[in-house]
Amino acid sequence: MGVLIVPGLSVSAGEEHWVLPADRALCLVENREAYLEQRRDVIVIIVDQCPLSDLLAGSGTGLLNFGGVSNVQTGAAAPEDGFDRVISYTADELRCLDMEHVRIEDGVAYLPRRVQC
């Protein structure tokens, strides 16, 4: 299996957690099988695109950004709202990710960057 490299994309997460809106975290967990169908060792997820698991979804419609997501951040700057826009897991980590791993406080979800089964 190959590894997908997305040059120029960075994330704003701290060292231990990805930070997402709670509804996006729920979407990701509920649709993890669709992401696993990519059959890659490392799965890159554009958070605002959930439940679409295809990184280029929407690109054929003339949208200039990944899947029509207008605010994917590049470089070192974090989004103003503090949420991560692009996250990644190994396939094994994503298989194990469930809501028991997710902490939600005031509409903000904290997903572990590394998931252990």
PDB file of N, CA and C in Angstrom:
ATOM      1  N   MET A   1       0.839  -1.186   0.000  1.00  0.00           N
ATOM      2  CA  MET A   1       0.000   0.000   0.000  1.00  0.00           C
ATOM      3  C   MET A   1       0.878   1.242   0.000  1.00  0.00           C
ATOM      4  N   GLY A   2       0.415   2.262  -0.660  1.00  0.00           N
ATOM      5  CA  GLY A   2       1.162   3.503  -0.712  1.00  0.00           C
ATOM      6  C   GLY A   2       0.762   4.454   0.392  1.00  0.00           C
ATOM      7  N   VAL A   3       1.556   5.482   0.528  1.00  0.00           N
ATOM      8  CA  VAL A   3       1.274   6.530   1.503  1.00  0.00           C
ATOM      9  C   VAL A   3       0.943   7.795   0.737  1.00  0.00           C
ATOM     10  N   LEU A   4      -0.117   8.464   1.108  1.00  0.00           N
ATOM     11  CA  LEU A   4      -0.502   9.714   0.468  1.00  0.00           C
ATOM     12  C   LEU A   4       0.225  10.860   1.134  1.00  0.00           C
ATOM     13  N   ILE A   5       0.922  11.649   0.345  1.00  0.00           N
ATOM     14  CA  ILE A   5       1.639  12.819   0.847  1.00  0.00           C
ATOM     15  C   ILE A   5       0.880  14.052   0.378  1.00  0.00           C
ATOM     16  N   VAL A   6       0.557  14.950   1.286  1.00  0.00           N
ATOM     17  CA  VAL A   6      -0.112  16.200   0.936  1.00  0.00           C
ATOM     18  C   VAL A   6       0.835  17.323   1.323  1.00  0.00           C
ATOM     19  N   PRO A   7       1.677  17.766   0.380  1.00  0.00           N
ATOM     20  CA  PRO A   7       2.660  18.792   0.722  1.00  0.00           C
ATOM     21  C   PRO A   7       2.005  20.121   1.052  1.00  0.00           C
ATOM     22  N   GLY A   8       2.623  20.849   1.962  1.00  0.00           N
ATOM     23  CA  GLY A   8       2.170  22.196   2.279  1.00  0.00           C
ATOM     24  C   GLY A   8       1.035  22.277   3.276  1.00  0.00           C
ATOM     25  N   LEU A   9       0.478  21.152   3.693  1.00  0.00           N
ATOM     26  CA  LEU A   9      -0.612  21.211   4.661  1.00  0.00           C
ATOM     27  C   LEU A   9      -0.060  21.015   6.058  1.00  0.00           C
ATOM     28  N   SER A  10      -0.504  21.850   6.955  1.00  0.00           N
ATOM     29  CA  SER A  10      -0.116  21.674   8.347  1.00  0.00           C
ATOM     30  C   SER A  10      -1.377  21.693   9.188  1.00  0.00           C
ATOM     31  N   VAL A  11      -1.250  21.304  10.414  1.00  0.00           N
ATOM     32  CA  VAL A  11      -2.401  21.275  11.301  1.00  0.00           C
ATOM     33  C   VAL A  11      -2.098  22.110  12.528  1.00  0.00           C
ATOM     34  N   SER A  12      -3.153  22.504  13.216  1.00  0.00           N
ATOM     35  CA  SER A  12      -2.982  23.378  14.372  1.00  0.00           C
ATOM     36  C   SER A  12      -3.025  22.635  15.699  1.00  0.00           C
ATOM     37  N   ALA A  13      -3.125  21.337  15.675  1.00  0.00           N
ATOM     38  CA  ALA A  13      -3.321  20.569  16.903  1.00  0.00           C
ATOM     39  C   ALA A  13      -2.123  20.654  17.828  1.00  0.00           C
ATOM     40  N   GLY A  14      -2.425  20.477  19.094  1.00  0.00           N
ATOM     41  CA  GLY A  14      -1.356  20.350  20.062  1.00  0.00           C
ATOM     42  C   GLY A  14      -0.701  18.992  19.891  1.00  0.00           C
ATOM     43  N   GLU A  15       0.176  18.660  20.790  1.00  0.00           N
ATOM     44  CA  GLU A  15       0.919  17.417  20.661  1.00  0.00           C
ATOM     45  C   GLU A  15       0.079  16.178  20.939  1.00  0.00           C
ATOM     46  N   GLU A  16      -0.981  16.299  21.726  1.00  0.00           N
ATOM     47  CA  GLU A  16      -1.728  15.113  22.127  1.00  0.00           C
ATOM     48  C   GLU A  16      -3.083  14.957  21.451  1.00  0.00           C
ATOM     49  N   HIS A  17      -3.693  16.043  21.002  1.00  0.00           N
ATOM     50  CA  HIS A  17      -5.068  15.963  20.497  1.00  0.00           C
ATOM     51  C   HIS A  17      -5.263  16.752  19.213  1.00  0.00           C
ATOM     52  N   TRP A  18      -6.160  16.234  18.384  1.00  0.00           N
ATOM     53  CA  TRP A  18      -6.733  17.022  17.304  1.00  0.00           C
ATOM     54  C   TRP A  18      -7.904  17.767  17.917  1.00  0.00           C
ATOM     55  N   VAL A  19      -8.189  18.973  17.482  1.00  0.00           N
ATOM     56  CA  VAL A  19      -9.276  19.781  18.032  1.00  0.00           C
ATOM     57  C   VAL A  19     -10.275  20.054  16.911  1.00  0.00           C
ATOM     58  N   LEU A  20     -11.512  19.582  17.103  1.00  0.00           N
ATOM     59  CA  LEU A  20     -12.553  19.690  16.084  1.00  0.00           C
ATOM     60  C   LEU A  20     -13.859  20.158  16.708  1.00  0.00           C
ATOM     61  N   PRO A  21     -14.748  20.735  15.895  1.00  0.00           N
ATOM     62  CA  PRO A  21     -16.109  20.946  16.399  1.00  0.00           C
ATOM     63  C   PRO A  21     -16.713  19.572  16.720  1.00  0.00           C
ATOM     64  N   ALA A  22     -17.511  19.494  17.737  1.00  0.00           N
ATOM     65  CA  ALA A  22     -18.066  18.214  18.182  1.00  0.00           C
ATOM     66  C   ALA A  22     -18.826  17.497  17.075  1.00  0.00           C
ATOM     67  N   ASP A  23     -19.587  18.228  16.265  1.00  0.00           N
ATOM     68  CA  ASP A  23     -20.359  17.567  15.208  1.00  0.00           C
ATOM     69  C   ASP A  23     -19.452  16.959  14.145  1.00  0.00           C
ATOM     70  N   ARG A  24     -18.301  17.560  13.900  1.00  0.00           N
ATOM     71  CA  ARG A  24     -17.344  17.020  12.919  1.00  0.00           C
ATOM     72  C   ARG A  24     -16.682  15.755  13.470  1.00  0.00           C
ATOM     73  N   ALA A  25     -16.398  15.730  14.760  1.00  0.00           N
ATOM     74  CA  ALA A  25     -15.816  14.540  15.376  1.00  0.00           C
ATOM     75  C   ALA A  25     -16.802  13.372  15.295  1.00  0.00           C
ATOM     76  N   LEU A  26     -18.050  13.640  15.584  1.00  0.00           N
ATOM     77  CA  LEU A  26     -19.080  12.609  15.498  1.00  0.00           C
ATOM     78  C   LEU A  26     -19.190  12.089  14.069  1.00  0.00           C
ATOM     79  N   CYS A  27     -19.167  12.981  13.095  1.00  0.00           N
ATOM     80  CA  CYS A  27     -19.227  12.597  11.693  1.00  0.00           C
ATOM     81  C   CYS A  27     -18.053  11.692  11.334  1.00  0.00           C
ATOM     82  N   LEU A  28     -16.869  12.072  11.765  1.00  0.00           N
ATOM     83  CA  LEU A  28     -15.673  11.297  11.456  1.00  0.00           C
ATOM     84  C   LEU A  28     -15.778   9.883  12.028  1.00  0.00           C
ATOM     85  N   VAL A  29     -16.169   9.770  13.284  1.00  0.00           N
ATOM     86  CA  VAL A  29     -16.271   8.454  13.915  1.00  0.00           C
ATOM     87  C   VAL A  29     -17.363   7.628  13.247  1.00  0.00           C
ATOM     88  N   GLU A  30     -18.506   8.246  12.961  1.00  0.00           N
ATOM     89  CA  GLU A  30     -19.614   7.522  12.334  1.00  0.00           C
ATOM     90  C   GLU A  30     -19.270   7.048  10.920  1.00  0.00           C
ATOM     91  N   ASN A  31     -18.350   7.726  10.254  1.00  0.00           N
ATOM     92  CA  ASN A  31     -18.017   7.412   8.867  1.00  0.00           C
ATOM     93  C   ASN A  31     -16.614   6.846   8.698  1.00  0.00           C
ATOM     94  N   ARG A  32     -16.027   6.337   9.764  1.00  0.00           N
ATOM     95  CA  ARG A  32     -14.644   5.867   9.671  1.00  0.00           C
ATOM     96  C   ARG A  32     -14.483   4.734   8.662  1.00  0.00           C
ATOM     97  N   GLU A  33     -15.508   3.902   8.473  1.00  0.00           N
ATOM     98  CA  GLU A  33     -15.403   2.818   7.486  1.00  0.00           C
ATOM     99  C   GLU A  33     -15.209   3.373   6.079  1.00  0.00           C
ATOM    100  N   ALA A  34     -15.858   4.485   5.769  1.00  0.00           N
ATOM    101  CA  ALA A  34     -15.686   5.107   4.450  1.00  0.00           C
ATOM    102  C   ALA A  34     -14.244   5.578   4.271  1.00  0.00           C
ATOM    103  N   TYR A  35     -13.654   6.113   5.319  1.00  0.00           N
ATOM    104  CA  TYR A  35     -12.256   6.534   5.246  1.00  0.00           C
ATOM    105  C   TYR A  35     -11.330   5.328   5.101  1.00  0.00           C
ATOM    106  N   LEU A  36     -11.641   4.247   5.796  1.00  0.00           N
ATOM    107  CA  LEU A  36     -10.810   3.045   5.719  1.00  0.00           C
ATOM    108  C   LEU A  36     -10.856   2.406   4.337  1.00  0.00           C
ATOM    109  N   GLU A  37     -11.911   2.668   3.577  1.00  0.00           N
ATOM    110  CA  GLU A  37     -12.009   2.132   2.218  1.00  0.00           C
ATOM    111  C   GLU A  37     -10.945   2.717   1.292  1.00  0.00           C
ATOM    112  N   GLN A  38     -10.256   3.770   1.717  1.00  0.00           N
ATOM    113  CA  GLN A  38      -9.170   4.330   0.919  1.00  0.00           C
ATOM    114  C   GLN A  38      -8.018   3.334   0.789  1.00  0.00           C
ATOM    115  N   ARG A  39      -7.945   2.387   1.704  1.00  0.00           N
ATOM    116  CA  ARG A  39      -6.913   1.349   1.701  1.00  0.00           C
ATOM    117  C   ARG A  39      -5.498   1.937   1.621  1.00  0.00           C
ATOM    118  N   ARG A  40      -5.253   2.899   2.488  1.00  0.00           N
ATOM    119  CA  ARG A  40      -3.921   3.509   2.600  1.00  0.00           C
ATOM    120  C   ARG A  40      -3.388   3.261   4.001  1.00  0.00           C
ATOM    121  N   ASP A  41      -2.080   3.303   4.123  1.00  0.00           N
ATOM    122  CA  ASP A  41      -1.460   3.149   5.444  1.00  0.00           C
ATOM    123  C   ASP A  41      -1.723   4.365   6.316  1.00  0.00           C
ATOM    124  N   VAL A  42      -1.681   5.554   5.703  1.00  0.00           N
ATOM    125  CA  VAL A  42      -1.985   6.797   6.402  1.00  0.00           C
ATOM    126  C   VAL A  42      -3.184   7.428   5.717  1.00  0.00           C
ATOM    127  N   ILE A  43      -4.191   7.759   6.508  1.00  0.00           N
ATOM    128  CA  ILE A  43      -5.434   8.308   5.968  1.00  0.00           C
ATOM    129  C   ILE A  43      -5.517   9.778   6.342  1.00  0.00           C
ATOM    130  N   VAL A  44      -5.565  10.613   5.328  1.00  0.00           N
ATOM    131  CA  VAL A  44      -5.673  12.057   5.511  1.00  0.00           C
ATOM    132  C   VAL A  44      -7.151  12.417   5.425  1.00  0.00           C
ATOM    133  N   ILE A  45      -7.620  13.193   6.399  1.00  0.00           N
ATOM    134  CA  ILE A  45      -9.042  13.549   6.489  1.00  0.00           C
ATOM    135  C   ILE A  45      -9.175  15.062   6.477  1.00  0.00           C
ATOM    136  N   ILE A  46      -9.958  15.560   5.532  1.00  0.00           N
ATOM    137  CA  ILE A  46     -10.307  16.985   5.520  1.00  0.00           C
ATOM    138  C   ILE A  46     -11.585  17.096   6.341  1.00  0.00           C
ATOM    139  N   VAL A  47     -11.465  17.652   7.507  1.00  0.00           N
ATOM    140  CA  VAL A  47     -12.520  17.626   8.513  1.00  0.00           C
ATOM    141  C   VAL A  47     -13.834  18.216   7.998  1.00  0.00           C
ATOM    142  N   ASP A  48     -13.786  19.382   7.362  1.00  0.00           N
ATOM    143  CA  ASP A  48     -15.015  20.029   6.915  1.00  0.00           C
ATOM    144  C   ASP A  48     -15.683  19.297   5.766  1.00  0.00           C
ATOM    145  N   GLN A  49     -15.005  18.327   5.183  1.00  0.00           N
ATOM    146  CA  GLN A  49     -15.541  17.576   4.054  1.00  0.00           C
ATOM    147  C   GLN A  49     -16.327  16.350   4.497  1.00  0.00           C
ATOM    148  N   CYS A  50     -16.230  15.955   5.751  1.00  0.00           N
ATOM    149  CA  CYS A  50     -16.927  14.774   6.267  1.00  0.00           C
ATOM    150  C   CYS A  50     -18.423  14.895   5.962  1.00  0.00           C
ATOM    151  N   PRO A  51     -19.055  13.874   5.443  1.00  0.00           N
ATOM    152  CA  PRO A  51     -18.661  12.468   5.395  1.00  0.00           C
ATOM    153  C   PRO A  51     -17.968  12.040   4.104  1.00  0.00           C
ATOM    154  N   LEU A  52     -17.633  12.947   3.212  1.00  0.00           N
ATOM    155  CA  LEU A  52     -16.950  12.562   1.980  1.00  0.00           C
ATOM    156  C   LEU A  52     -15.512  12.182   2.295  1.00  0.00           C
ATOM    157  N   SER A  53     -15.127  10.982   1.924  1.00  0.00           N
ATOM    158  CA  SER A  53     -13.790  10.496   2.255  1.00  0.00           C
ATOM    159  C   SER A  53     -12.794  10.693   1.120  1.00  0.00           C
ATOM    160  N   ASP A  54     -13.255  11.105  -0.037  1.00  0.00           N
ATOM    161  CA  ASP A  54     -12.381  11.330  -1.185  1.00  0.00           C
ATOM    162  C   ASP A  54     -11.736  12.703  -1.053  1.00  0.00           C
ATOM    163  N   LEU A  55     -10.402  12.747  -0.979  1.00  0.00           N
ATOM    164  CA  LEU A  55      -9.696  14.017  -0.810  1.00  0.00           C
ATOM    165  C   LEU A  55      -9.996  15.009  -1.918  1.00  0.00           C
ATOM    166  N   LEU A  56     -10.301  14.530  -3.099  1.00  0.00           N
ATOM    167  CA  LEU A  56     -10.536  15.428  -4.221  1.00  0.00           C
ATOM    168  C   LEU A  56     -12.014  15.598  -4.558  1.00  0.00           C
ATOM    169  N   ALA A  57     -12.883  15.152  -3.674  1.00  0.00           N
ATOM    170  CA  ALA A  57     -14.314  15.327  -3.914  1.00  0.00           C
ATOM    171  C   ALA A  57     -14.610  16.803  -4.096  1.00  0.00           C
ATOM    172  N   GLY A  58     -15.346  17.118  -5.126  1.00  0.00           N
ATOM    173  CA  GLY A  58     -15.682  18.508  -5.395  1.00  0.00           C
ATOM    174  C   GLY A  58     -14.710  19.174  -6.330  1.00  0.00           C
ATOM    175  N   SER A  59     -13.534  18.575  -6.545  1.00  0.00           N
ATOM    176  CA  SER A  59     -12.558  19.231  -7.410  1.00  0.00           C
ATOM    177  C   SER A  59     -13.019  19.264  -8.862  1.00  0.00           C
ATOM    178  N   GLY A  60     -13.836  18.308  -9.265  1.00  0.00           N
ATOM    179  CA  GLY A  60     -14.336  18.279 -10.635  1.00  0.00           C
ATOM    180  C   GLY A  60     -15.450  19.273 -10.878  1.00  0.00           C
ATOM    181  N   THR A  61     -15.916  19.947  -9.850  1.00  0.00           N
ATOM    182  CA  THR A  61     -17.010  20.897 -10.000  1.00  0.00           C
ATOM    183  C   THR A  61     -16.500  22.314 -10.185  1.00  0.00           C
ATOM    184  N   GLY A  62     -15.198  22.448 -10.359  1.00  0.00           N
ATOM    185  CA  GLY A  62     -14.615  23.770 -10.567  1.00  0.00           C
ATOM    186  C   GLY A  62     -14.226  24.477  -9.294  1.00  0.00           C
ATOM    187  N   LEU A  63     -14.375  23.832  -8.159  1.00  0.00           N
ATOM    188  CA  LEU A  63     -13.968  24.448  -6.900  1.00  0.00           C
ATOM    189  C   LEU A  63     -12.448  24.437  -6.828  1.00  0.00           C
ATOM    190  N   LEU A  64     -11.863  25.492  -6.344  1.00  0.00           N
ATOM    191  CA  LEU A  64     -10.418  25.645  -6.377  1.00  0.00           C
ATOM    192  C   LEU A  64      -9.705  25.043  -5.188  1.00  0.00           C
ATOM    193  N   ASN A  65     -10.429  24.644  -4.180  1.00  0.00           N
ATOM    194  CA  ASN A  65      -9.824  24.132  -2.962  1.00  0.00           C
ATOM    195  C   ASN A  65     -10.095  22.652  -2.819  1.00  0.00           C
ATOM    196  N   PHE A  66      -9.370  22.006  -1.908  1.00  0.00           N
ATOM    197  CA  PHE A  66      -9.615  20.596  -1.638  1.00  0.00           C
ATOM    198  C   PHE A  66     -11.082  20.385  -1.314  1.00  0.00           C
ATOM    199  N   GLY A  67     -11.755  19.654  -2.167  1.00  0.00           N
ATOM    200  CA  GLY A  67     -13.132  19.272  -1.889  1.00  0.00           C
ATOM    201  C   GLY A  67     -14.043  20.437  -1.595  1.00  0.00           C
ATOM    202  N   GLY A  68     -13.697  21.615  -2.044  1.00  0.00           N
ATOM    203  CA  GLY A  68     -14.542  22.770  -1.783  1.00  0.00           C
ATOM    204  C   GLY A  68     -14.362  23.360  -0.410  1.00  0.00           C
ATOM    205  N   VAL A  69     -13.397  22.884   0.340  1.00  0.00           N
ATOM    206  CA  VAL A  69     -13.134  23.434   1.665  1.00  0.00           C
ATOM    207  C   VAL A  69     -12.330  24.712   1.471  1.00  0.00           C
ATOM    208  N   SER A  70     -12.899  25.820   1.864  1.00  0.00           N
ATOM    209  CA  SER A  70     -12.289  27.104   1.541  1.00  0.00           C
ATOM    210  C   SER A  70     -11.207  27.551   2.506  1.00  0.00           C
ATOM    211  N   ASN A  71     -11.056  26.885   3.625  1.00  0.00           N
ATOM    212  CA  ASN A  71     -10.118  27.403   4.617  1.00  0.00           C
ATOM    213  C   ASN A  71      -9.102  26.376   5.095  1.00  0.00           C
ATOM    214  N   VAL A  72      -8.646  25.489   4.208  1.00  0.00           N
ATOM    215  CA  VAL A  72      -7.552  24.596   4.562  1.00  0.00           C
ATOM    216  C   VAL A  72      -6.319  25.462   4.731  1.00  0.00           C
ATOM    217  N   GLN A  73      -5.677  25.371   5.869  1.00  0.00           N
ATOM    218  CA  GLN A  73      -4.546  26.241   6.187  1.00  0.00           C
ATOM    219  C   GLN A  73      -3.239  25.617   5.726  1.00  0.00           C
ATOM    220  N   THR A  74      -2.354  26.441   5.241  1.00  0.00           N
ATOM    221  CA  THR A  74      -1.013  25.995   4.901  1.00  0.00           C
ATOM    222  C   THR A  74      -0.020  26.808   5.713  1.00  0.00           C
ATOM    223  N   GLY A  75       1.194  26.323   5.805  1.00  0.00           N
ATOM    224  CA  GLY A  75       2.198  27.033   6.582  1.00  0.00           C
ATOM    225  C   GLY A  75       2.004  26.786   8.068  1.00  0.00           C
ATOM    226  N   ALA A  76       2.561  27.673   8.877  1.00  0.00           N
ATOM    227  CA  ALA A  76       2.545  27.466  10.325  1.00  0.00           C
ATOM    228  C   ALA A  76       1.337  28.074  11.022  1.00  0.00           C
ATOM    229  N   ALA A  77       0.569  28.899  10.337  1.00  0.00           N
ATOM    230  CA  ALA A  77      -0.543  29.589  10.994  1.00  0.00           C
ATOM    231  C   ALA A  77      -1.699  28.641  11.274  1.00  0.00           C
ATOM    232  N   ALA A  78      -2.232  28.713  12.463  1.00  0.00           N
ATOM    233  CA  ALA A  78      -3.404  27.925  12.840  1.00  0.00           C
ATOM    234  C   ALA A  78      -4.661  28.699  12.471  1.00  0.00           C
ATOM    235  N   PRO A  79      -5.760  27.978  12.191  1.00  0.00           N
ATOM    236  CA  PRO A  79      -7.012  28.680  11.933  1.00  0.00           C
ATOM    237  C   PRO A  79      -7.390  29.544  13.132  1.00  0.00           C
ATOM    238  N   GLU A  80      -8.072  30.633  12.873  1.00  0.00           N
ATOM    239  CA  GLU A  80      -8.447  31.554  13.951  1.00  0.00           C
ATOM    240  C   GLU A  80      -9.323  30.902  15.004  1.00  0.00           C
ATOM    241  N   ASP A  81     -10.174  29.946  14.596  1.00  0.00           N
ATOM    242  CA  ASP A  81     -11.060  29.315  15.572  1.00  0.00           C
ATOM    243  C   ASP A  81     -10.364  28.215  16.372  1.00  0.00           C
ATOM    244  N   GLY A  82      -9.118  27.888  16.016  1.00  0.00           N
ATOM    245  CA  GLY A  82      -8.366  26.888  16.758  1.00  0.00           C
ATOM    246  C   GLY A  82      -8.654  25.454  16.368  1.00  0.00           C
ATOM    247  N   PHE A  83      -9.572  25.229  15.420  1.00  0.00           N
ATOM    248  CA  PHE A  83      -9.904  23.874  15.001  1.00  0.00           C
ATOM    249  C   PHE A  83      -8.938  23.389  13.926  1.00  0.00           C
ATOM    250  N   ASP A  84      -8.663  22.107  13.962  1.00  0.00           N
ATOM    251  CA  ASP A  84      -7.841  21.493  12.927  1.00  0.00           C
ATOM    252  C   ASP A  84      -8.703  21.252  11.699  1.00  0.00           C
ATOM    253  N   ARG A  85      -8.169  21.548  10.550  1.00  0.00           N
ATOM    254  CA  ARG A  85      -8.885  21.373   9.282  1.00  0.00           C
ATOM    255  C   ARG A  85      -8.517  20.083   8.580  1.00  0.00           C
ATOM    256  N   VAL A  86      -7.277  19.651   8.767  1.00  0.00           N
ATOM    257  CA  VAL A  86      -6.779  18.434   8.140  1.00  0.00           C
ATOM    258  C   VAL A  86      -6.111  17.606   9.228  1.00  0.00           C
ATOM    259  N   ILE A  87      -6.548  16.357   9.353  1.00  0.00           N
ATOM    260  CA  ILE A  87      -5.968  15.469  10.351  1.00  0.00           C
ATOM    261  C   ILE A  87      -5.577  14.167   9.667  1.00  0.00           C
ATOM    262  N   SER A  88      -4.819  13.337  10.354  1.00  0.00           N
ATOM    263  CA  SER A  88      -4.451  12.053   9.773  1.00  0.00           C
ATOM    264  C   SER A  88      -4.330  10.999  10.867  1.00  0.00           C
ATOM    265  N   TYR A  89      -4.614   9.780  10.461  1.00  0.00           N
ATOM    266  CA  TYR A  89      -4.443   8.609  11.309  1.00  0.00           C
ATOM    267  C   TYR A  89      -3.880   7.488  10.456  1.00  0.00           C
ATOM    268  N   THR A  90      -3.191   6.562  11.086  1.00  0.00           N
ATOM    269  CA  THR A  90      -2.871   5.334  10.380  1.00  0.00           C
ATOM    270  C   THR A  90      -4.182   4.557  10.269  1.00  0.00           C
ATOM    271  N   ALA A  91      -4.221   3.612   9.353  1.00  0.00           N
ATOM    272  CA  ALA A  91      -5.430   2.798   9.197  1.00  0.00           C
ATOM    273  C   ALA A  91      -5.744   2.044  10.488  1.00  0.00           C
ATOM    274  N   ASP A  92      -4.719   1.517  11.137  1.00  0.00           N
ATOM    275  CA  ASP A  92      -4.940   0.787  12.392  1.00  0.00           C
ATOM    276  C   ASP A  92      -5.523   1.696  13.477  1.00  0.00           C
ATOM    277  N   GLU A  93      -5.017   2.927  13.566  1.00  0.00           N
ATOM    278  CA  GLU A  93      -5.546   3.864  14.568  1.00  0.00           C
ATOM    279  C   GLU A  93      -6.995   4.200  14.278  1.00  0.00           C
ATOM    280  N   LEU A  94      -7.303   4.445  13.013  1.00  0.00           N
ATOM    281  CA  LEU A  94      -8.671   4.817  12.665  1.00  0.00           C
ATOM    282  C   LEU A  94      -9.643   3.669  12.931  1.00  0.00           C
ATOM    283  N   ARG A  95      -9.206   2.439  12.713  1.00  0.00           N
ATOM    284  CA  ARG A  95     -10.065   1.281  13.015  1.00  0.00           C
ATOM    285  C   ARG A  95     -10.453   1.263  14.497  1.00  0.00           C
ATOM    286  N   CYS A  96      -9.561   1.708  15.347  1.00  0.00           N
ATOM    287  CA  CYS A  96      -9.793   1.667  16.796  1.00  0.00           C
ATOM    288  C   CYS A  96     -10.509   2.904  17.330  1.00  0.00           C
ATOM    289  N   LEU A  97     -10.526   3.988  16.552  1.00  0.00           N
ATOM    290  CA  LEU A  97     -11.119   5.238  17.031  1.00  0.00           C
ATOM    291  C   LEU A  97     -12.624   5.085  17.215  1.00  0.00           C
ATOM    292  N   ASP A  98     -13.105   5.383  18.396  1.00  0.00           N
ATOM    293  CA  ASP A  98     -14.542   5.430  18.661  1.00  0.00           C
ATOM    294  C   ASP A  98     -14.815   6.579  19.630  1.00  0.00           C
ATOM    295  N   MET A  99     -16.059   6.793  19.946  1.00  0.00           N
ATOM    296  CA  MET A  99     -16.417   7.943  20.776  1.00  0.00           C
ATOM    297  C   MET A  99     -15.867   7.834  22.197  1.00  0.00           C
ATOM    298  N   GLU A 100     -15.485   6.652  22.620  1.00  0.00           N
ATOM    299  CA  GLU A 100     -14.856   6.520  23.935  1.00  0.00           C
ATOM    300  C   GLU A 100     -13.494   7.205  23.984  1.00  0.00           C
ATOM    301  N   HIS A 101     -12.876   7.374  22.831  1.00  0.00           N
ATOM    302  CA  HIS A 101     -11.581   8.056  22.752  1.00  0.00           C
ATOM    303  C   HIS A 101     -11.724   9.575  22.669  1.00  0.00           C
ATOM    304  N   VAL A 102     -12.942  10.048  22.426  1.00  0.00           N
ATOM    305  CA  VAL A 102     -13.178  11.472  22.167  1.00  0.00           C
ATOM    306  C   VAL A 102     -13.687  12.151  23.427  1.00  0.00           C
ATOM    307  N   ARG A 103     -13.059  13.272  23.771  1.00  0.00           N
ATOM    308  CA  ARG A 103     -13.523  14.092  24.899  1.00  0.00           C
ATOM    309  C   ARG A 103     -14.199  15.325  24.313  1.00  0.00           C
ATOM    310  N   ILE A 104     -15.420  15.616  24.765  1.00  0.00           N
ATOM    311  CA  ILE A 104     -16.164  16.777  24.263  1.00  0.00           C
ATOM    312  C   ILE A 104     -16.448  17.718  25.424  1.00  0.00           C
ATOM    313  N   GLU A 105     -16.086  18.989  25.213  1.00  0.00           N
ATOM    314  CA  GLU A 105     -16.340  20.035  26.207  1.00  0.00           C
ATOM    315  C   GLU A 105     -16.846  21.276  25.482  1.00  0.00           C
ATOM    316  N   ASP A 106     -18.031  21.739  25.844  1.00  0.00           N
ATOM    317  CA  ASP A 106     -18.592  22.977  25.281  1.00  0.00           C
ATOM    318  C   ASP A 106     -18.579  22.997  23.755  1.00  0.00           C
ATOM    319  N   GLY A 107     -18.955  21.877  23.141  1.00  0.00           N
ATOM    320  CA  GLY A 107     -19.042  21.810  21.689  1.00  0.00           C
ATOM    321  C   GLY A 107     -17.718  21.613  20.976  1.00  0.00           C
ATOM    322  N   VAL A 108     -16.658  21.419  21.746  1.00  0.00           N
ATOM    323  CA  VAL A 108     -15.333  21.201  21.168  1.00  0.00           C
ATOM    324  C   VAL A 108     -14.921  19.762  21.472  1.00  0.00           C
ATOM    325  N   ALA A 109     -14.473  19.051  20.437  1.00  0.00           N
ATOM    326  CA  ALA A 109     -14.050  17.661  20.595  1.00  0.00           C
ATOM    327  C   ALA A 109     -12.531  17.571  20.546  1.00  0.00           C
ATOM    328  N   TYR A 110     -11.989  16.761  21.416  1.00  0.00           N
ATOM    329  CA  TYR A 110     -10.554  16.505  21.468  1.00  0.00           C
ATOM    330  C   TYR A 110     -10.342  15.031  21.137  1.00  0.00           C
ATOM    331  N   LEU A 111      -9.739  14.783  19.990  1.00  0.00           N
ATOM    332  CA  LEU A 111      -9.459  13.421  19.549  1.00  0.00           C
ATOM    333  C   LEU A 111      -7.976  13.148  19.742  1.00  0.00           C
ATOM    334  N   PRO A 112      -7.644  11.985  20.268  1.00  0.00           N
ATOM    335  CA  PRO A 112      -6.224  11.696  20.449  1.00  0.00           C
ATOM    336  C   PRO A 112      -5.519  11.630  19.107  1.00  0.00           C
ATOM    337  N   ARG A 113      -4.307  12.144  19.041  1.00  0.00           N
ATOM    338  CA  ARG A 113      -3.535  12.067  17.794  1.00  0.00           C
ATOM    339  C   ARG A 113      -3.102  10.642  17.535  1.00  0.00           C
ATOM    340  N   ARG A 114      -2.859   9.882  18.572  1.00  0.00           N
ATOM    341  CA  ARG A 114      -2.472   8.479  18.446  1.00  0.00           C
ATOM    342  C   ARG A 114      -3.500   7.655  19.216  1.00  0.00           C
ATOM    343  N   VAL A 115      -4.084   6.688  18.553  1.00  0.00           N
ATOM    344  CA  VAL A 115      -5.139   5.858  19.153  1.00  0.00           C
ATOM    345  C   VAL A 115      -4.578   4.472  19.387  1.00  0.00           C
ATOM    346  N   GLN A 116      -4.788   3.965  20.586  1.00  0.00           N
ATOM    347  CA  GLN A 116      -4.405   2.601  20.903  1.00  0.00           C
ATOM    348  C   GLN A 116      -5.661   1.776  21.136  1.00  0.00           C
ATOM    349  N   CYS A 117      -5.659   0.585  20.592  1.00  0.00           N
ATOM    350  CA  CYS A 117      -6.819  -0.317  20.766  1.00  0.00           C
ATOM    351  C   CYS A 117      -6.806  -0.922  22.148  1.00  0.00           C
TER     352      CYS A 117
END
